[in-house]
């Protein structure tokens, strides 16, 4: 309640809520903003810098997904083949049982 009043009452809209996970990035962005202003006179706000960080993360994740390939080892392929063979054997055995017996089994 107190925080909401502070956010609403701030005349310069300088207070806002952020997700807890973004706090470390925002602190880093604030330091970077101050450093840029002191070193080069460039005025870039922490929110703009934070947005850049988040966009970079999205791009990085997208690139990782583009290069993602599920692991397929020979062991995986052998396991798949064995599973298929077992399923085929079960199916063949089930087909050998007379229909009325199969219905009672289910």
PDB file of N, CA and C in Angstrom:
ATOM      1  N   UNK A   1       0.827  -1.194   0.000  1.00  0.00           N
ATOM      2  CA  UNK A   1       0.000   0.000   0.000  1.00  0.00           C
ATOM      3  C   UNK A   1       0.874   1.263   0.000  1.00  0.00           C
ATOM      4  N   UNK A   2       1.906   1.273   0.841  1.00  0.00           N
ATOM      5  CA  UNK A   2       2.817   2.421   0.918  1.00  0.00           C
ATOM      6  C   UNK A   2       3.586   2.562  -0.393  1.00  0.00           C
ATOM      7  N   UNK A   3       4.039   1.412  -0.934  1.00  0.00           N
ATOM      8  CA  UNK A   3       4.781   1.452  -2.199  1.00  0.00           C
ATOM      9  C   UNK A   3       3.906   1.961  -3.342  1.00  0.00           C
ATOM     10  N   UNK A   4       2.678   1.491  -3.383  1.00  0.00           N
ATOM     11  CA  UNK A   4       1.764   1.945  -4.436  1.00  0.00           C
ATOM     12  C   UNK A   4       1.532   3.448  -4.345  1.00  0.00           C
ATOM     13  N   UNK A   5       1.408   3.957  -3.133  1.00  0.00           N
ATOM     14  CA  UNK A   5       1.218   5.400  -2.950  1.00  0.00           C
ATOM     15  C   UNK A   5       2.455   6.167  -3.411  1.00  0.00           C
ATOM     16  N   UNK A   6       3.634   5.625  -3.133  1.00  0.00           N
ATOM     17  CA  UNK A   6       4.876   6.280  -3.560  1.00  0.00           C
ATOM     18  C   UNK A   6       4.975   6.311  -5.082  1.00  0.00           C
ATOM     19  N   UNK A   7       4.629   5.188  -5.718  1.00  0.00           N
ATOM     20  CA  UNK A   7       4.673   5.127  -7.190  1.00  0.00           C
ATOM     21  C   UNK A   7       3.692   6.133  -7.788  1.00  0.00           C
ATOM     22  N   UNK A   8       2.463   6.132  -7.279  1.00  0.00           N
ATOM     23  CA  UNK A   8       1.436   7.040  -7.811  1.00  0.00           C
ATOM     24  C   UNK A   8       1.731   8.497  -7.500  1.00  0.00           C
ATOM     25  N   UNK A   9       2.369   8.746  -6.350  1.00  0.00           N
ATOM     26  CA  UNK A   9       2.607  10.122  -5.924  1.00  0.00           C
ATOM     27  C   UNK A   9       3.884  10.746  -6.450  1.00  0.00           C
ATOM     28  N   UNK A  10       4.720   9.975  -7.114  1.00  0.00           N
ATOM     29  CA  UNK A  10       5.986  10.520  -7.612  1.00  0.00           C
ATOM     30  C   UNK A  10       5.712  11.468  -8.775  1.00  0.00           C
ATOM     31  N   UNK A  11       6.067  12.748  -8.630  1.00  0.00           N
ATOM     32  CA  UNK A  11       5.743  13.717  -9.675  1.00  0.00           C
ATOM     33  C   UNK A  11       6.536  13.517 -10.978  1.00  0.00           C
ATOM     34  N   UNK A  12       7.688  12.861 -10.894  1.00  0.00           N
ATOM     35  CA  UNK A  12       8.492  12.688 -12.114  1.00  0.00           C
ATOM     36  C   UNK A  12       8.373  11.272 -12.681  1.00  0.00           C
ATOM     37  N   UNK A  13       7.497  10.476 -12.113  1.00  0.00           N
ATOM     38  CA  UNK A  13       7.299   9.085 -12.548  1.00  0.00           C
ATOM     39  C   UNK A  13       8.604   8.299 -12.509  1.00  0.00           C
ATOM     40  N   UNK A  14       9.458   8.599 -11.536  1.00  0.00           N
ATOM     41  CA  UNK A  14      10.767   7.949 -11.437  1.00  0.00           C
ATOM     42  C   UNK A  14      10.711   6.620 -10.694  1.00  0.00           C
ATOM     43  N   UNK A  15       9.597   6.309 -10.070  1.00  0.00           N
ATOM     44  CA  UNK A  15       9.464   5.061  -9.314  1.00  0.00           C
ATOM     45  C   UNK A  15       8.553   4.119 -10.089  1.00  0.00           C
ATOM     46  N   UNK A  16       9.006   2.873 -10.225  1.00  0.00           N
ATOM     47  CA  UNK A  16       8.158   1.883 -10.880  1.00  0.00           C
ATOM     48  C   UNK A  16       8.496   0.494 -10.350  1.00  0.00           C
ATOM     49  N   UNK A  17       7.610  -0.431 -10.586  1.00  0.00           N
ATOM     50  CA  UNK A  17       7.814  -1.804 -10.156  1.00  0.00           C
ATOM     51  C   UNK A  17       8.578  -2.565 -11.232  1.00  0.00           C
ATOM     52  N   UNK A  18       9.484  -3.431 -10.796  1.00  0.00           N
ATOM     53  CA  UNK A  18      10.184  -4.332 -11.707  1.00  0.00           C
ATOM     54  C   UNK A  18      10.148  -5.734 -11.107  1.00  0.00           C
ATOM     55  N   UNK A  19      10.305  -6.709 -11.965  1.00  0.00           N
ATOM     56  CA  UNK A  19      10.375  -8.085 -11.473  1.00  0.00           C
ATOM     57  C   UNK A  19      11.680  -8.266 -10.700  1.00  0.00           C
ATOM     58  N   UNK A  20      11.609  -9.073  -9.668  1.00  0.00           N
ATOM     59  CA  UNK A  20      12.773  -9.298  -8.812  1.00  0.00           C
ATOM     60  C   UNK A  20      13.978  -9.790  -9.619  1.00  0.00           C
ATOM     61  N   UNK A  21      13.725 -10.619 -10.606  1.00  0.00           N
ATOM     62  CA  UNK A  21      14.808 -11.170 -11.428  1.00  0.00           C
ATOM     63  C   UNK A  21      15.527 -10.086 -12.230  1.00  0.00           C
ATOM     64  N   UNK A  22      14.845  -8.964 -12.482  1.00  0.00           N
ATOM     65  CA  UNK A  22      15.452  -7.894 -13.288  1.00  0.00           C
ATOM     66  C   UNK A  22      16.234  -6.880 -12.448  1.00  0.00           C
ATOM     67  N   UNK A  23      16.118  -6.962 -11.118  1.00  0.00           N
ATOM     68  CA  UNK A  23      16.781  -5.984 -10.253  1.00  0.00           C
ATOM     69  C   UNK A  23      18.294  -5.950 -10.470  1.00  0.00           C
ATOM     70  N   UNK A  24      19.003  -7.097 -10.489  1.00  0.00           N
ATOM     71  CA  UNK A  24      20.453  -7.035 -10.714  1.00  0.00           C
ATOM     72  C   UNK A  24      20.811  -6.392 -12.056  1.00  0.00           C
ATOM     73  N   UNK A  25      20.031  -6.714 -13.095  1.00  0.00           N
ATOM     74  CA  UNK A  25      20.290  -6.107 -14.407  1.00  0.00           C
ATOM     75  C   UNK A  25      20.027  -4.605 -14.384  1.00  0.00           C
ATOM     76  N   UNK A  26      18.990  -4.190 -13.676  1.00  0.00           N
ATOM     77  CA  UNK A  26      18.680  -2.771 -13.584  1.00  0.00           C
ATOM     78  C   UNK A  26      19.778  -2.027 -12.827  1.00  0.00           C
ATOM     79  N   UNK A  27      20.300  -2.639 -11.760  1.00  0.00           N
ATOM     80  CA  UNK A  27      21.405  -2.019 -11.025  1.00  0.00           C
ATOM     81  C   UNK A  27      22.626  -1.871 -11.922  1.00  0.00           C
ATOM     82  N   UNK A  28      22.910  -2.901 -12.698  1.00  0.00           N
ATOM     83  CA  UNK A  28      24.026  -2.825 -13.645  1.00  0.00           C
ATOM     84  C   UNK A  28      23.776  -1.733 -14.679  1.00  0.00           C
ATOM     85  N   UNK A  29      22.555  -1.636 -15.164  1.00  0.00           N
ATOM     86  CA  UNK A  29      22.205  -0.611 -16.149  1.00  0.00           C
ATOM     87  C   UNK A  29      22.344   0.789 -15.553  1.00  0.00           C
ATOM     88  N   UNK A  30      21.987   0.928 -14.285  1.00  0.00           N
ATOM     89  CA  UNK A  30      22.119   2.233 -13.636  1.00  0.00           C
ATOM     90  C   UNK A  30      23.597   2.638 -13.540  1.00  0.00           C
ATOM     91  N   UNK A  31      24.460   1.690 -13.144  1.00  0.00           N
ATOM     92  CA  UNK A  31      25.905   1.982 -13.092  1.00  0.00           C
ATOM     93  C   UNK A  31      26.440   2.336 -14.473  1.00  0.00           C
ATOM     94  N   UNK A  32      26.023   1.569 -15.478  1.00  0.00           N
ATOM     95  CA  UNK A  32      26.474   1.829 -16.850  1.00  0.00           C
ATOM     96  C   UNK A  32      26.005   3.199 -17.320  1.00  0.00           C
ATOM     97  N   UNK A  33      24.790   3.573 -16.964  1.00  0.00           N
ATOM     98  CA  UNK A  33      24.248   4.880 -17.346  1.00  0.00           C
ATOM     99  C   UNK A  33      25.088   6.009 -16.750  1.00  0.00           C
ATOM    100  N   UNK A  34      25.419   5.877 -15.477  1.00  0.00           N
ATOM    101  CA  UNK A  34      26.243   6.899 -14.802  1.00  0.00           C
ATOM    102  C   UNK A  34      27.642   6.947 -15.413  1.00  0.00           C
ATOM    103  N   UNK A  35      28.245   5.780 -15.638  1.00  0.00           N
ATOM    104  CA  UNK A  35      29.594   5.733 -16.243  1.00  0.00           C
ATOM    105  C   UNK A  35      29.608   6.394 -17.612  1.00  0.00           C
ATOM    106  N   UNK A  36      28.608   6.092 -18.428  1.00  0.00           N
ATOM    107  CA  UNK A  36      28.544   6.685 -19.773  1.00  0.00           C
ATOM    108  C   UNK A  36      28.429   8.207 -19.681  1.00  0.00           C
ATOM    109  N   UNK A  37      27.614   8.680 -18.766  1.00  0.00           N
ATOM    110  CA  UNK A  37      27.423  10.130 -18.616  1.00  0.00           C
ATOM    111  C   UNK A  37      28.713  10.798 -18.156  1.00  0.00           C
ATOM    112  N   UNK A  38      29.424  10.162 -17.231  1.00  0.00           N
ATOM    113  CA  UNK A  38      30.651  10.748 -16.713  1.00  0.00           C
ATOM    114  C   UNK A  38      31.794  10.690 -17.721  1.00  0.00           C
ATOM    115  N   UNK A  39      31.920   9.590 -18.429  1.00  0.00           N
ATOM    116  CA  UNK A  39      33.057   9.396 -19.342  1.00  0.00           C
ATOM    117  C   UNK A  39      32.871  10.081 -20.685  1.00  0.00           C
ATOM    118  N   UNK A  40      31.667  10.015 -21.221  1.00  0.00           N
ATOM    119  CA  UNK A  40      31.479  10.524 -22.584  1.00  0.00           C
ATOM    120  C   UNK A  40      30.428  11.624 -22.686  1.00  0.00           C
ATOM    121  N   UNK A  41      29.748  11.885 -21.593  1.00  0.00           N
ATOM    122  CA  UNK A  41      28.682  12.888 -21.639  1.00  0.00           C
ATOM    123  C   UNK A  41      27.417  12.365 -22.298  1.00  0.00           C
ATOM    124  N   UNK A  42      27.435  11.105 -22.713  1.00  0.00           N
ATOM    125  CA  UNK A  42      26.280  10.490 -23.364  1.00  0.00           C
ATOM    126  C   UNK A  42      25.214  10.194 -22.321  1.00  0.00           C
ATOM    127  N   UNK A  43      24.022  10.676 -22.555  1.00  0.00           N
ATOM    128  CA  UNK A  43      22.926  10.446 -21.613  1.00  0.00           C
ATOM    129  C   UNK A  43      22.031   9.328 -22.141  1.00  0.00           C
ATOM    130  N   UNK A  44      22.184   8.179 -21.534  1.00  0.00           N
ATOM    131  CA  UNK A  44      21.356   7.025 -21.880  1.00  0.00           C
ATOM    132  C   UNK A  44      20.795   6.504 -20.570  1.00  0.00           C
ATOM    133  N   UNK A  45      19.486   6.484 -20.443  1.00  0.00           N
ATOM    134  CA  UNK A  45      18.849   6.105 -19.193  1.00  0.00           C
ATOM    135  C   UNK A  45      18.982   4.629 -18.885  1.00  0.00           C
ATOM    136  N   UNK A  46      18.888   4.277 -17.594  1.00  0.00           N
ATOM    137  CA  UNK A  46      19.005   2.868 -17.201  1.00  0.00           C
ATOM    138  C   UNK A  46      17.913   1.983 -17.785  1.00  0.00           C
ATOM    139  N   UNK A  47      16.709   2.542 -17.996  1.00  0.00           N
ATOM    140  CA  UNK A  47      15.629   1.736 -18.573  1.00  0.00           C
ATOM    141  C   UNK A  47      15.948   1.378 -20.019  1.00  0.00           C
ATOM    142  N   UNK A  48      16.530   2.310 -20.739  1.00  0.00           N
ATOM    143  CA  UNK A  48      16.917   2.054 -22.127  1.00  0.00           C
ATOM    144  C   UNK A  48      18.020   0.994 -22.178  1.00  0.00           C
ATOM    145  N   UNK A  49      18.971   1.097 -21.259  1.00  0.00           N
ATOM    146  CA  UNK A  49      20.055   0.113 -21.203  1.00  0.00           C
ATOM    147  C   UNK A  49      19.501  -1.256 -20.806  1.00  0.00           C
ATOM    148  N   UNK A  50      18.604  -1.286 -19.801  1.00  0.00           N
ATOM    149  CA  UNK A  50      17.980  -2.545 -19.383  1.00  0.00           C
ATOM    150  C   UNK A  50      17.240  -3.188 -20.554  1.00  0.00           C
ATOM    151  N   UNK A  51      16.512  -2.393 -21.299  1.00  0.00           N
ATOM    152  CA  UNK A  51      15.791  -2.917 -22.465  1.00  0.00           C
ATOM    153  C   UNK A  51      16.773  -3.548 -23.457  1.00  0.00           C
ATOM    154  N   UNK A  52      17.914  -2.910 -23.640  1.00  0.00           N
ATOM    155  CA  UNK A  52      18.946  -3.473 -24.522  1.00  0.00           C
ATOM    156  C   UNK A  52      19.436  -4.816 -24.023  1.00  0.00           C
ATOM    157  N   UNK A  53      19.655  -4.916 -22.693  1.00  0.00           N
ATOM    158  CA  UNK A  53      20.083  -6.196 -22.120  1.00  0.00           C
ATOM    159  C   UNK A  53      19.047  -7.285 -22.404  1.00  0.00           C
ATOM    160  N   UNK A  54      17.775  -6.946 -22.183  1.00  0.00           N
ATOM    161  CA  UNK A  54      16.711  -7.936 -22.367  1.00  0.00           C
ATOM    162  C   UNK A  54      16.591  -8.355 -23.830  1.00  0.00           C
ATOM    163  N   UNK A  55      16.726  -7.404 -24.736  1.00  0.00           N
ATOM    164  CA  UNK A  55      16.679  -7.730 -26.167  1.00  0.00           C
ATOM    165  C   UNK A  55      17.857  -8.632 -26.540  1.00  0.00           C
ATOM    166  N   UNK A  56      19.029  -8.314 -26.009  1.00  0.00           N
ATOM    167  CA  UNK A  56      20.211  -9.152 -26.282  1.00  0.00           C
ATOM    168  C   UNK A  56      19.989 -10.576 -25.786  1.00  0.00           C
ATOM    169  N   UNK A  57      19.371 -10.717 -24.602  1.00  0.00           N
ATOM    170  CA  UNK A  57      19.078 -12.052 -24.077  1.00  0.00           C
ATOM    171  C   UNK A  57      18.125 -12.811 -24.988  1.00  0.00           C
ATOM    172  N   UNK A  58      17.109 -12.128 -25.482  1.00  0.00           N
ATOM    173  CA  UNK A  58      16.131 -12.773 -26.367  1.00  0.00           C
ATOM    174  C   UNK A  58      16.814 -13.219 -27.661  1.00  0.00           C
ATOM    175  N   UNK A  59      17.650 -12.361 -28.207  1.00  0.00           N
ATOM    176  CA  UNK A  59      18.364 -12.712 -29.440  1.00  0.00           C
ATOM    177  C   UNK A  59      19.282 -13.900 -29.196  1.00  0.00           C
ATOM    178  N   UNK A  60      20.005 -13.893 -28.062  1.00  0.00           N
ATOM    179  CA  UNK A  60      20.911 -14.992 -27.742  1.00  0.00           C
ATOM    180  C   UNK A  60      20.145 -16.305 -27.605  1.00  0.00           C
ATOM    181  N   UNK A  61      18.998 -16.264 -26.898  1.00  0.00           N
ATOM    182  CA  UNK A  61      18.193 -17.475 -26.739  1.00  0.00           C
ATOM    183  C   UNK A  61      17.653 -17.963 -28.076  1.00  0.00           C
ATOM    184  N   UNK A  62      17.256 -17.034 -28.930  1.00  0.00           N
ATOM    185  CA  UNK A  62      16.740 -17.403 -30.242  1.00  0.00           C
ATOM    186  C   UNK A  62      17.826 -18.087 -31.064  1.00  0.00           C
ATOM    187  N   UNK A  63      19.039 -17.544 -31.012  1.00  0.00           N
ATOM    188  CA  UNK A  63      20.142 -18.158 -31.751  1.00  0.00           C
ATOM    189  C   UNK A  63      20.466 -19.543 -31.207  1.00  0.00           C
ATOM    190  N   UNK A  64      20.401 -19.694 -29.887  1.00  0.00           N
ATOM    191  CA  UNK A  64      20.641 -21.013 -29.297  1.00  0.00           C
ATOM    192  C   UNK A  64      19.584 -22.013 -29.752  1.00  0.00           C
ATOM    193  N   UNK A  65      18.333 -21.572 -29.845  1.00  0.00           N
ATOM    194  CA  UNK A  65      17.268 -22.472 -30.287  1.00  0.00           C
ATOM    195  C   UNK A  65      17.440 -22.860 -31.753  1.00  0.00           C
ATOM    196  N   UNK A  66      17.924 -21.934 -32.560  1.00  0.00           N
ATOM    197  CA  UNK A  66      18.129 -22.246 -33.983  1.00  0.00           C
ATOM    198  C   UNK A  66      19.184 -23.331 -34.153  1.00  0.00           C
ATOM    199  N   UNK A  67      20.166 -23.354 -33.259  1.00  0.00           N
ATOM    200  CA  UNK A  67      21.249 -24.334 -33.360  1.00  0.00           C
ATOM    201  C   UNK A  67      20.984 -25.590 -32.538  1.00  0.00           C
ATOM    202  N   UNK A  68      19.827 -25.656 -31.879  1.00  0.00           N
ATOM    203  CA  UNK A  68      19.507 -26.793 -31.018  1.00  0.00           C
ATOM    204  C   UNK A  68      19.214 -28.031 -31.848  1.00  0.00           C
ATOM    205  N   UNK A  69      19.849 -29.094 -31.469  1.00  0.00           N
ATOM    206  CA  UNK A  69      19.556 -30.386 -32.090  1.00  0.00           C
ATOM    207  C   UNK A  69      19.453 -31.414 -30.976  1.00  0.00           C
ATOM    208  N   UNK A  70      18.360 -32.151 -30.932  1.00  0.00           N
ATOM    209  CA  UNK A  70      18.244 -33.151 -29.877  1.00  0.00           C
ATOM    210  C   UNK A  70      19.346 -34.190 -29.999  1.00  0.00           C
ATOM    211  N   UNK A  71      19.834 -34.612 -28.867  1.00  0.00           N
ATOM    212  CA  UNK A  71      20.920 -35.595 -28.868  1.00  0.00           C
ATOM    213  C   UNK A  71      20.416 -36.916 -29.431  1.00  0.00           C
ATOM    214  N   UNK A  72      21.122 -37.419 -30.401  1.00  0.00           N
ATOM    215  CA  UNK A  72      20.792 -38.733 -30.956  1.00  0.00           C
ATOM    216  C   UNK A  72      22.093 -39.518 -31.040  1.00  0.00           C
ATOM    217  N   UNK A  73      22.297 -40.334 -30.047  1.00  0.00           N
ATOM    218  CA  UNK A  73      23.497 -41.158 -30.034  1.00  0.00           C
ATOM    219  C   UNK A  73      23.145 -42.534 -30.572  1.00  0.00           C
ATOM    220  N   UNK A  74      24.151 -43.304 -30.824  1.00  0.00           N
ATOM    221  CA  UNK A  74      23.899 -44.674 -31.284  1.00  0.00           C
ATOM    222  C   UNK A  74      23.119 -45.444 -30.230  1.00  0.00           C
ATOM    223  N   UNK A  75      23.415 -45.139 -28.963  1.00  0.00           N
ATOM    224  CA  UNK A  75      22.701 -45.805 -27.876  1.00  0.00           C
ATOM    225  C   UNK A  75      21.220 -45.475 -27.935  1.00  0.00           C
ATOM    226  N   UNK A  76      20.904 -44.182 -28.187  1.00  0.00           N
ATOM    227  CA  UNK A  76      19.502 -43.772 -28.294  1.00  0.00           C
ATOM    228  C   UNK A  76      18.816 -44.509 -29.438  1.00  0.00           C
ATOM    229  N   UNK A  77      19.505 -44.586 -30.571  1.00  0.00           N
ATOM    230  CA  UNK A  77      18.927 -45.242 -31.748  1.00  0.00           C
ATOM    231  C   UNK A  77      18.736 -46.735 -31.488  1.00  0.00           C
ATOM    232  N   UNK A  78      19.693 -47.351 -30.797  1.00  0.00           N
ATOM    233  CA  UNK A  78      19.589 -48.775 -30.483  1.00  0.00           C
ATOM    234  C   UNK A  78      18.404 -48.996 -29.549  1.00  0.00           C
ATOM    235  N   UNK A  79      18.274 -48.116 -28.557  1.00  0.00           N
ATOM    236  CA  UNK A  79      17.165 -48.222 -27.610  1.00  0.00           C
ATOM    237  C   UNK A  79      15.827 -48.080 -28.327  1.00  0.00           C
ATOM    238  N   UNK A  80      15.764 -47.149 -29.260  1.00  0.00           N
ATOM    239  CA  UNK A  80      14.546 -46.956 -30.047  1.00  0.00           C
ATOM    240  C   UNK A  80      14.224 -48.206 -30.856  1.00  0.00           C
ATOM    241  N   UNK A  81      15.237 -48.783 -31.486  1.00  0.00           N
ATOM    242  CA  UNK A  81      15.040 -49.984 -32.294  1.00  0.00           C
ATOM    243  C   UNK A  81      14.587 -51.147 -31.417  1.00  0.00           C
ATOM    244  N   UNK A  82      15.199 -51.279 -30.236  1.00  0.00           N
ATOM    245  CA  UNK A  82      14.801 -52.355 -29.328  1.00  0.00           C
ATOM    246  C   UNK A  82      13.354 -52.173 -28.865  1.00  0.00           C
ATOM    247  N   UNK A  83      12.966 -50.947 -28.580  1.00  0.00           N
ATOM    248  CA  UNK A  83      11.592 -50.668 -28.147  1.00  0.00           C
ATOM    249  C   UNK A  83      10.605 -51.019 -29.252  1.00  0.00           C
ATOM    250  N   UNK A  84      10.953 -50.651 -30.487  1.00  0.00           N
ATOM    251  CA  UNK A  84      10.083 -50.976 -31.622  1.00  0.00           C
ATOM    252  C   UNK A  84       9.982 -52.489 -31.803  1.00  0.00           C
ATOM    253  N   UNK A  85      11.114 -53.180 -31.690  1.00  0.00           N
ATOM    254  CA  UNK A  85      11.100 -54.642 -31.815  1.00  0.00           C
ATOM    255  C   UNK A  85      10.213 -55.275 -30.748  1.00  0.00           C
ATOM    256  N   UNK A  86      10.324 -54.793 -29.515  1.00  0.00           N
ATOM    257  CA  UNK A  86       9.509 -55.324 -28.419  1.00  0.00           C
ATOM    258  C   UNK A  86       8.026 -55.070 -28.684  1.00  0.00           C
ATOM    259  N   UNK A  87       7.715 -53.853 -29.145  1.00  0.00           N
ATOM    260  CA  UNK A  87       6.318 -53.520 -29.451  1.00  0.00           C
ATOM    261  C   UNK A  87       5.784 -54.414 -30.564  1.00  0.00           C
ATOM    262  N   UNK A  88       6.603 -54.668 -31.571  1.00  0.00           N
ATOM    263  CA  UNK A  88       6.187 -55.556 -32.670  1.00  0.00           C
ATOM    264  C   UNK A  88       5.934 -56.980 -32.157  1.00  0.00           C
ATOM    265  N   UNK A  89       6.802 -57.458 -31.252  1.00  0.00           N
ATOM    266  CA  UNK A  89       6.630 -58.802 -30.693  1.00  0.00           C
ATOM    267  C   UNK A  89       5.336 -58.887 -29.896  1.00  0.00           C
ATOM    268  N   UNK A  90       5.052 -57.858 -29.098  1.00  0.00           N
ATOM    269  CA  UNK A  90       3.824 -57.841 -28.298  1.00  0.00           C
ATOM    270  C   UNK A  90       2.604 -57.830 -29.216  1.00  0.00           C
ATOM    271  N   UNK A  91       2.672 -57.015 -30.259  1.00  0.00           N
ATOM    272  CA  UNK A  91       1.561 -56.936 -31.206  1.00  0.00           C
ATOM    273  C   UNK A  91       1.330 -58.287 -31.884  1.00  0.00           C
ATOM    274  N   UNK A  92       2.405 -58.937 -32.310  1.00  0.00           N
ATOM    275  CA  UNK A  92       2.288 -60.250 -32.957  1.00  0.00           C
ATOM    276  C   UNK A  92       1.703 -61.282 -32.004  1.00  0.00           C
ATOM    277  N   UNK A  93       2.163 -61.268 -30.768  1.00  0.00           N
ATOM    278  CA  UNK A  93       1.663 -62.220 -29.773  1.00  0.00           C
ATOM    279  C   UNK A  93       0.186 -61.974 -29.499  1.00  0.00           C
ATOM    280  N   UNK A  94      -0.205 -60.693 -29.423  1.00  0.00           N
ATOM    281  CA  UNK A  94      -1.611 -60.363 -29.171  1.00  0.00           C
ATOM    282  C   UNK A  94      -2.480 -60.817 -30.332  1.00  0.00           C
ATOM    283  N   UNK A  95      -1.984 -60.692 -31.537  1.00  0.00           N
ATOM    284  CA  UNK A  95      -2.764 -61.100 -32.706  1.00  0.00           C
ATOM    285  C   UNK A  95      -2.945 -62.619 -32.762  1.00  0.00           C
ATOM    286  N   UNK A  96      -2.018 -63.357 -32.154  1.00  0.00           N
ATOM    287  CA  UNK A  96      -2.105 -64.823 -32.166  1.00  0.00           C
ATOM    288  C   UNK A  96      -3.172 -65.334 -31.203  1.00  0.00           C
ATOM    289  N   UNK A  97      -3.582 -64.526 -30.260  1.00  0.00           N
ATOM    290  CA  UNK A  97      -4.608 -64.927 -29.284  1.00  0.00           C
ATOM    291  C   UNK A  97      -5.976 -64.756 -29.942  1.00  0.00           C
ATOM    292  N   UNK A  98      -6.849 -65.739 -29.793  1.00  0.00           N
ATOM    293  CA  UNK A  98      -8.192 -65.620 -30.385  1.00  0.00           C
ATOM    294  C   UNK A  98      -8.913 -64.366 -29.884  1.00  0.00           C
ATOM    295  N   UNK A  99      -9.748 -63.795 -30.748  1.00  0.00           N
ATOM    296  CA  UNK A  99     -10.439 -62.529 -30.479  1.00  0.00           C
ATOM    297  C   UNK A  99     -11.218 -62.543 -29.166  1.00  0.00           C
ATOM    298  N   UNK A 100     -11.984 -63.598 -28.922  1.00  0.00           N
ATOM    299  CA  UNK A 100     -12.811 -63.626 -27.715  1.00  0.00           C
ATOM    300  C   UNK A 100     -11.952 -63.671 -26.445  1.00  0.00           C
ATOM    301  N   UNK A 101     -10.779 -64.279 -26.513  1.00  0.00           N
ATOM    302  CA  UNK A 101      -9.866 -64.335 -25.361  1.00  0.00           C
ATOM    303  C   UNK A 101      -9.255 -62.933 -25.147  1.00  0.00           C
ATOM    304  N   UNK A 102      -8.872 -62.295 -26.239  1.00  0.00           N
ATOM    305  CA  UNK A 102      -8.305 -60.931 -26.142  1.00  0.00           C
ATOM    306  C   UNK A 102      -9.297 -59.977 -25.499  1.00  0.00           C
ATOM    307  N   UNK A 103     -10.589 -60.116 -25.860  1.00  0.00           N
ATOM    308  CA  UNK A 103     -11.596 -59.228 -25.290  1.00  0.00           C
ATOM    309  C   UNK A 103     -11.732 -59.439 -23.783  1.00  0.00           C
ATOM    310  N   UNK A 104     -11.624 -60.692 -23.344  1.00  0.00           N
ATOM    311  CA  UNK A 104     -11.720 -60.972 -21.904  1.00  0.00           C
ATOM    312  C   UNK A 104     -10.479 -60.466 -21.173  1.00  0.00           C
ATOM    313  N   UNK A 105      -9.323 -60.509 -21.837  1.00  0.00           N
ATOM    314  CA  UNK A 105      -8.080 -60.028 -21.217  1.00  0.00           C
ATOM    315  C   UNK A 105      -8.157 -58.517 -20.963  1.00  0.00           C
ATOM    316  N   UNK A 106      -8.745 -57.793 -21.901  1.00  0.00           N
ATOM    317  CA  UNK A 106      -8.842 -56.335 -21.742  1.00  0.00           C
ATOM    318  C   UNK A 106      -9.865 -56.002 -20.699  1.00  0.00           C
TER     319      UNK A 106
END
